Amino acid sequence: MKQGIWNQVLTYLYIRKRDPNDPRNINVRMMHGMNRISIFLFLFAIIVMLVRLFKHA
């Protein structure tokens, strides 16, 4: 079943349970781990940018 991007983001952030029928080999696990790290870093960078913007203003 094809998932939307928002469903996948919610799965990466542990907000939604993953589909038990999805394949779980080492390559998929590594890919999802890297995607999870990149989402967390992106959100952290957005928060830092907003703090700097409002602190400067």
N, C-alpha and C. Protein backbone atom coordinates (compact mmCIF):
# COMPACT_ATOMS: atom_id res chain seq x y z
N MET A 1 0.84 -1.18 0.00
CA MET A 1 0.00 0.00 0.00
C MET A 1 0.88 1.24 0.00
N LYS A 2 0.60 2.17 -0.88
CA LYS A 2 1.40 3.39 -1.00
C LYS A 2 0.99 4.37 0.10
N GLN A 3 2.01 4.90 0.80
CA GLN A 3 1.76 5.84 1.88
C GLN A 3 2.04 7.25 1.41
N GLY A 4 1.36 8.20 2.00
CA GLY A 4 1.64 9.60 1.74
C GLY A 4 2.85 10.04 2.54
N ILE A 5 3.38 11.19 2.18
CA ILE A 5 4.59 11.68 2.84
C ILE A 5 4.32 12.01 4.31
N TRP A 6 3.13 12.53 4.62
CA TRP A 6 2.84 12.89 6.01
C TRP A 6 2.71 11.65 6.88
N ASN A 7 2.14 10.58 6.33
CA ASN A 7 2.06 9.34 7.10
C ASN A 7 3.45 8.79 7.38
N GLN A 8 4.35 8.92 6.42
CA GLN A 8 5.70 8.42 6.61
C GLN A 8 6.45 9.27 7.65
N VAL A 9 6.25 10.59 7.62
CA VAL A 9 6.89 11.45 8.61
C VAL A 9 6.38 11.11 10.00
N LEU A 10 5.08 10.89 10.14
CA LEU A 10 4.53 10.52 11.44
C LEU A 10 5.09 9.19 11.93
N THR A 11 5.32 8.27 11.01
CA THR A 11 5.93 7.00 11.39
C THR A 11 7.37 7.20 11.85
N TYR A 12 8.13 8.04 11.14
CA TYR A 12 9.52 8.30 11.51
C TYR A 12 9.62 8.94 12.89
N LEU A 13 8.66 9.80 13.21
CA LEU A 13 8.70 10.51 14.49
C LEU A 13 8.00 9.73 15.61
N TYR A 14 7.67 8.49 15.35
CA TYR A 14 7.04 7.60 16.32
C TYR A 14 5.67 8.08 16.77
N ILE A 15 4.97 8.86 15.94
CA ILE A 15 3.62 9.31 16.28
C ILE A 15 2.60 8.28 15.79
N ARG A 16 2.92 7.58 14.73
CA ARG A 16 2.03 6.57 14.17
C ARG A 16 2.75 5.24 14.12
N LYS A 17 2.03 4.17 14.41
CA LYS A 17 2.64 2.84 14.36
C LYS A 17 2.91 2.46 12.91
N ARG A 18 4.00 1.75 12.67
CA ARG A 18 4.34 1.36 11.32
C ARG A 18 3.52 0.15 10.89
N ASP A 19 3.40 -0.02 9.60
CA ASP A 19 2.63 -1.12 9.03
C ASP A 19 3.40 -2.43 9.25
N PRO A 20 2.77 -3.44 9.85
CA PRO A 20 3.50 -4.70 10.08
C PRO A 20 3.81 -5.46 8.80
N ASN A 21 3.19 -5.11 7.69
CA ASN A 21 3.45 -5.79 6.42
C ASN A 21 4.62 -5.19 5.65
N ASP A 22 5.17 -4.09 6.15
CA ASP A 22 6.32 -3.47 5.47
C ASP A 22 7.54 -4.37 5.57
N PRO A 23 8.38 -4.37 4.54
CA PRO A 23 9.61 -5.17 4.61
C PRO A 23 10.57 -4.60 5.66
N ARG A 24 11.26 -5.49 6.39
CA ARG A 24 12.17 -5.04 7.45
C ARG A 24 13.53 -5.70 7.28
N ASN A 25 14.25 -5.35 6.22
CA ASN A 25 15.61 -5.86 6.13
C ASN A 25 16.56 -4.76 6.58
N ILE A 26 17.84 -5.04 6.63
CA ILE A 26 18.81 -4.10 7.20
C ILE A 26 18.89 -2.81 6.38
N ASN A 27 18.74 -2.90 5.05
CA ASN A 27 18.82 -1.70 4.22
C ASN A 27 17.66 -0.76 4.49
N VAL A 28 16.47 -1.29 4.65
CA VAL A 28 15.29 -0.46 4.93
C VAL A 28 15.43 0.17 6.31
N ARG A 29 15.91 -0.61 7.28
CA ARG A 29 16.08 -0.06 8.63
C ARG A 29 17.10 1.07 8.65
N MET A 30 18.20 0.91 7.93
CA MET A 30 19.21 1.97 7.87
C MET A 30 18.67 3.22 7.18
N MET A 31 17.92 3.02 6.10
CA MET A 31 17.35 4.16 5.38
C MET A 31 16.38 4.93 6.28
N HIS A 32 15.51 4.21 6.99
CA HIS A 32 14.57 4.88 7.87
C HIS A 32 15.29 5.58 9.02
N GLY A 33 16.35 4.99 9.51
CA GLY A 33 17.12 5.64 10.57
C GLY A 33 17.76 6.93 10.10
N MET A 34 18.31 6.91 8.90
CA MET A 34 18.92 8.14 8.35
C MET A 34 17.86 9.19 8.09
N ASN A 35 16.71 8.78 7.60
CA ASN A 35 15.62 9.74 7.38
C ASN A 35 15.16 10.35 8.69
N ARG A 36 15.07 9.54 9.72
CA ARG A 36 14.64 10.03 11.03
C ARG A 36 15.64 11.06 11.56
N ILE A 37 16.93 10.78 11.43
CA ILE A 37 17.96 11.72 11.89
C ILE A 37 17.87 13.03 11.11
N SER A 38 17.67 12.95 9.80
CA SER A 38 17.60 14.17 8.99
C SER A 38 16.37 14.99 9.34
N ILE A 39 15.25 14.36 9.64
CA ILE A 39 14.05 15.11 10.04
C ILE A 39 14.28 15.81 11.36
N PHE A 40 14.88 15.12 12.34
CA PHE A 40 15.15 15.74 13.63
C PHE A 40 16.14 16.91 13.49
N LEU A 41 17.16 16.76 12.67
CA LEU A 41 18.11 17.85 12.47
C LEU A 41 17.45 19.04 11.77
N PHE A 42 16.59 18.77 10.80
CA PHE A 42 15.88 19.83 10.12
C PHE A 42 14.98 20.60 11.09
N LEU A 43 14.23 19.88 11.92
CA LEU A 43 13.36 20.54 12.90
C LEU A 43 14.18 21.34 13.91
N PHE A 44 15.31 20.79 14.33
CA PHE A 44 16.19 21.52 15.26
C PHE A 44 16.71 22.80 14.63
N ALA A 45 17.11 22.73 13.36
CA ALA A 45 17.62 23.92 12.67
C ALA A 45 16.53 24.98 12.51
N ILE A 46 15.32 24.58 12.23
CA ILE A 46 14.21 25.53 12.11
C ILE A 46 13.97 26.21 13.45
N ILE A 47 14.01 25.44 14.54
CA ILE A 47 13.81 26.03 15.87
C ILE A 47 14.92 27.02 16.20
N VAL A 48 16.18 26.66 15.90
CA VAL A 48 17.30 27.57 16.16
C VAL A 48 17.15 28.85 15.34
N MET A 49 16.75 28.73 14.08
CA MET A 49 16.57 29.91 13.24
C MET A 49 15.45 30.81 13.78
N LEU A 50 14.36 30.21 14.24
CA LEU A 50 13.26 31.02 14.80
C LEU A 50 13.67 31.71 16.08
N VAL A 51 14.43 31.01 16.94
CA VAL A 51 14.89 31.62 18.18
C VAL A 51 15.80 32.80 17.88
N ARG A 52 16.72 32.61 16.95
CA ARG A 52 17.62 33.72 16.58
C ARG A 52 16.86 34.88 15.97
N LEU A 53 15.86 34.59 15.17
CA LEU A 53 15.06 35.65 14.54
C LEU A 53 14.33 36.47 15.59
N PHE A 54 13.66 35.80 16.53
CA PHE A 54 12.89 36.53 17.53
C PHE A 54 13.77 37.15 18.61
N LYS A 55 14.94 36.59 18.85
CA LYS A 55 15.85 37.16 19.83
C LYS A 55 16.49 38.43 19.28
N HIS A 56 16.73 38.45 17.97
CA HIS A 56 17.37 39.60 17.33
C HIS A 56 16.37 40.77 17.18
N ALA A 57 15.12 40.45 16.94
CA ALA A 57 14.11 41.48 16.67
C ALA A 57 13.65 42.20 17.90
